[in-house]
Amino acid sequence: MSVLKTYTITGSSFTGTLVFKYDVNGVLANFDLDGELSDKQRDWLFSHRFPFHESGIKMFSGIVNFTVFGGNLDLSFDNFWNTYNYKIGKKPMAENIWKRMSQADKIAALSGIKPYDSHLARHVLKAKAHATTYLNQRYWENDFGKY
């Protein structure tokens, strides 16, 4: 799963941080609470206010005692390498390809990993391509959902 945006929320009424991580489609990929919430705070958060979609973070930005940090795209090669999760092949070559790619292609490549992995899970005899092959041959442009 490719996490592209991370938001960290702190507040004056609770100790610690809330960390929300979203994928390329703005869907929640990971949530972490570093600290403690009271029962009342937990009820407030999880009763129709939990931001399952990135657009829900805007609500937190409008609350006086909350501070929202982050929201930048993580288009780093390390994020790609860890998300692709097939650390076989020539990493420096893959990194050079990544550096030459446009921002739009990086986003598309990251978002294409999950459908590609799902395709491989359905076709267990197919081996996963090296990262350089995935990038050079633009595997993310294939329609892996149809077969």
Protein backbone atom coordinates (compact mmCIF):
# COMPACT_ATOMS: atom_id res chain seq x y z
CA MET A 1 0.00 0.00 0.00
CA SER A 2 1.38 3.31 -0.99
CA VAL A 3 1.12 6.06 1.57
CA LEU A 4 1.42 9.41 -0.12
CA LYS A 5 0.22 11.91 2.46
CA THR A 6 0.70 11.99 6.20
CA TYR A 7 -1.09 14.34 8.58
CA THR A 8 -0.10 14.72 12.21
CA ILE A 9 -2.59 16.33 14.55
CA THR A 10 -1.83 17.69 17.99
CA GLY A 11 -4.24 19.31 20.37
CA SER A 12 -4.27 21.32 23.55
CA SER A 13 -6.97 19.10 25.07
CA PHE A 14 -5.14 15.77 24.72
CA THR A 15 -1.62 14.45 25.09
CA GLY A 16 0.23 13.01 22.12
CA THR A 17 -0.51 12.97 18.42
CA LEU A 18 -2.96 11.52 15.94
CA VAL A 19 -1.28 10.40 12.71
CA PHE A 20 -3.38 9.77 9.59
CA LYS A 21 -1.81 8.36 6.43
CA TYR A 22 -3.64 8.39 3.10
CA ASP A 23 -3.07 6.65 -0.22
CA VAL A 24 -3.05 8.27 -3.64
CA ASN A 25 -6.87 8.19 -3.75
CA GLY A 26 -7.16 9.98 -0.40
CA VAL A 27 -8.36 6.84 1.40
CA LEU A 28 -7.06 6.18 4.90
CA ALA A 29 -4.22 3.66 4.79
CA ASN A 30 -3.00 3.88 8.38
CA PHE A 31 -3.95 5.52 11.68
CA ASP A 32 -1.76 5.79 14.75
CA LEU A 33 -2.47 7.29 18.14
CA ASP A 34 0.67 8.20 20.03
CA GLY A 35 -0.71 9.17 23.41
CA GLU A 36 -3.99 8.78 25.23
CA LEU A 37 -7.52 9.99 24.74
CA SER A 38 -10.19 10.07 27.40
CA ASP A 39 -13.35 8.03 26.86
CA LYS A 40 -15.19 11.22 25.90
CA GLN A 41 -12.47 12.17 23.37
CA ARG A 42 -12.44 8.65 21.90
CA ASP A 43 -16.23 8.73 21.53
CA TRP A 44 -16.02 12.14 19.84
CA LEU A 45 -13.32 10.98 17.39
CA PHE A 46 -14.89 7.67 16.43
CA SER A 47 -18.51 8.82 16.21
CA HIS A 48 -18.88 10.22 12.68
CA ARG A 49 -15.76 12.41 12.87
CA PHE A 50 -13.06 9.89 12.03
CA PRO A 51 -11.48 11.01 8.72
CA PHE A 52 -11.57 7.83 6.63
CA HIS A 53 -11.00 10.07 3.62
CA GLU A 54 -8.40 12.80 3.34
CA SER A 55 -11.10 15.43 2.89
CA GLY A 56 -12.12 14.81 6.52
CA ILE A 57 -8.85 16.34 7.73
CA LYS A 58 -10.23 19.77 6.85
CA MET A 59 -12.64 19.48 9.76
CA PHE A 60 -9.71 19.16 12.18
CA SER A 61 -8.03 22.22 10.68
CA GLY A 62 -11.05 24.31 11.60
CA ILE A 63 -11.05 23.38 15.30
CA VAL A 64 -9.30 25.96 17.47
CA ASN A 65 -7.48 23.58 19.85
CA PHE A 66 -6.13 21.32 17.06
CA THR A 67 -3.01 21.87 14.96
CA VAL A 68 -2.63 19.94 11.71
CA PHE A 69 0.83 19.36 10.23
CA GLY A 70 1.76 17.76 6.94
CA GLY A 71 -0.19 16.83 3.87
CA ASN A 72 2.75 16.85 1.50
CA LEU A 73 3.08 14.13 -1.11
CA ASP A 74 5.77 11.56 -0.41
CA LEU A 75 7.13 10.93 -3.88
CA SER A 76 10.55 9.91 -2.65
CA PHE A 77 12.34 6.95 -4.16
CA ASP A 78 12.51 5.35 -0.71
CA ASN A 79 8.71 5.42 -0.49
CA PHE A 80 8.49 3.76 -3.91
CA TRP A 81 11.16 1.17 -3.05
CA ASN A 82 9.47 0.23 0.22
CA THR A 83 5.98 0.19 -1.27
CA TYR A 84 7.03 -1.90 -4.27
CA ASN A 85 8.59 -4.27 -1.75
CA TYR A 86 10.62 -6.41 -4.13
CA LYS A 87 14.16 -5.52 -3.25
CA ILE A 88 15.79 -7.63 -5.94
CA GLY A 89 17.64 -6.12 -8.84
CA LYS A 90 19.55 -2.92 -9.35
CA LYS A 91 18.38 -0.35 -6.81
CA PRO A 92 20.66 2.46 -8.10
CA MET A 93 19.32 1.96 -11.63
CA ALA A 94 15.74 2.06 -10.39
CA GLU A 95 16.51 5.22 -8.44
CA ASN A 96 17.93 6.90 -11.55
CA ILE A 97 14.78 6.04 -13.49
CA TRP A 98 12.66 7.41 -10.63
CA LYS A 99 14.57 10.70 -10.60
CA ARG A 100 13.84 11.26 -14.31
CA MET A 101 10.09 10.60 -13.97
CA SER A 102 7.52 13.39 -13.80
CA GLN A 103 5.51 13.93 -10.64
CA ALA A 104 2.38 12.62 -12.39
CA ASP A 105 4.17 9.43 -13.44
CA LYS A 106 5.50 8.92 -9.90
CA ILE A 107 1.97 9.20 -8.49
CA ALA A 108 0.66 6.81 -11.16
CA ALA A 109 3.50 4.35 -10.57
CA LEU A 110 2.87 4.33 -6.81
CA SER A 111 -0.88 3.92 -7.23
CA GLY A 112 -0.35 1.09 -9.73
CA ILE A 113 1.55 -1.12 -7.29
CA LYS A 114 -1.52 -2.39 -5.44
CA PRO A 115 -3.42 -3.50 -8.58
CA TYR A 116 -0.24 -5.13 -9.88
CA ASP A 117 0.30 -7.00 -6.60
CA SER A 118 -3.36 -8.12 -6.64
CA HIS A 119 -2.90 -9.39 -10.20
CA LEU A 120 0.16 -11.38 -9.13
CA ALA A 121 -1.77 -12.86 -6.20
CA ARG A 122 -4.40 -14.15 -8.67
CA HIS A 123 -1.72 -15.51 -11.03
CA VAL A 124 0.66 -17.20 -8.63
CA LEU A 125 2.92 -18.60 -11.36
CA LYS A 126 3.92 -15.10 -12.51
CA ALA A 127 6.99 -13.60 -10.90
CA LYS A 128 7.07 -9.99 -9.80
CA ALA A 129 9.07 -7.78 -12.14
CA HIS A 130 12.19 -6.04 -10.88
CA ALA A 131 11.56 -2.41 -9.97
CA THR A 132 13.54 -1.24 -13.02
CA THR A 133 11.29 -3.27 -15.31
CA TYR A 134 8.15 -2.03 -13.57
CA LEU A 135 9.29 1.57 -14.09
CA ASN A 136 10.81 1.29 -17.58
CA GLN A 137 7.88 -0.67 -19.03
CA ARG A 138 5.30 1.47 -17.21
CA TYR A 139 3.49 -1.52 -15.71
CA TRP A 140 1.05 0.79 -13.93
CA GLU A 141 -0.58 1.54 -17.29
CA ASN A 142 -1.72 -2.09 -17.66
CA ASP A 143 -5.29 -2.91 -16.68
CA PHE A 144 -4.53 -5.61 -14.15
CA GLY A 145 -8.09 -5.61 -12.83
CA LYS A 146 -9.50 -7.24 -15.98
CA TYR A 147 -7.46 -10.42 -16.01
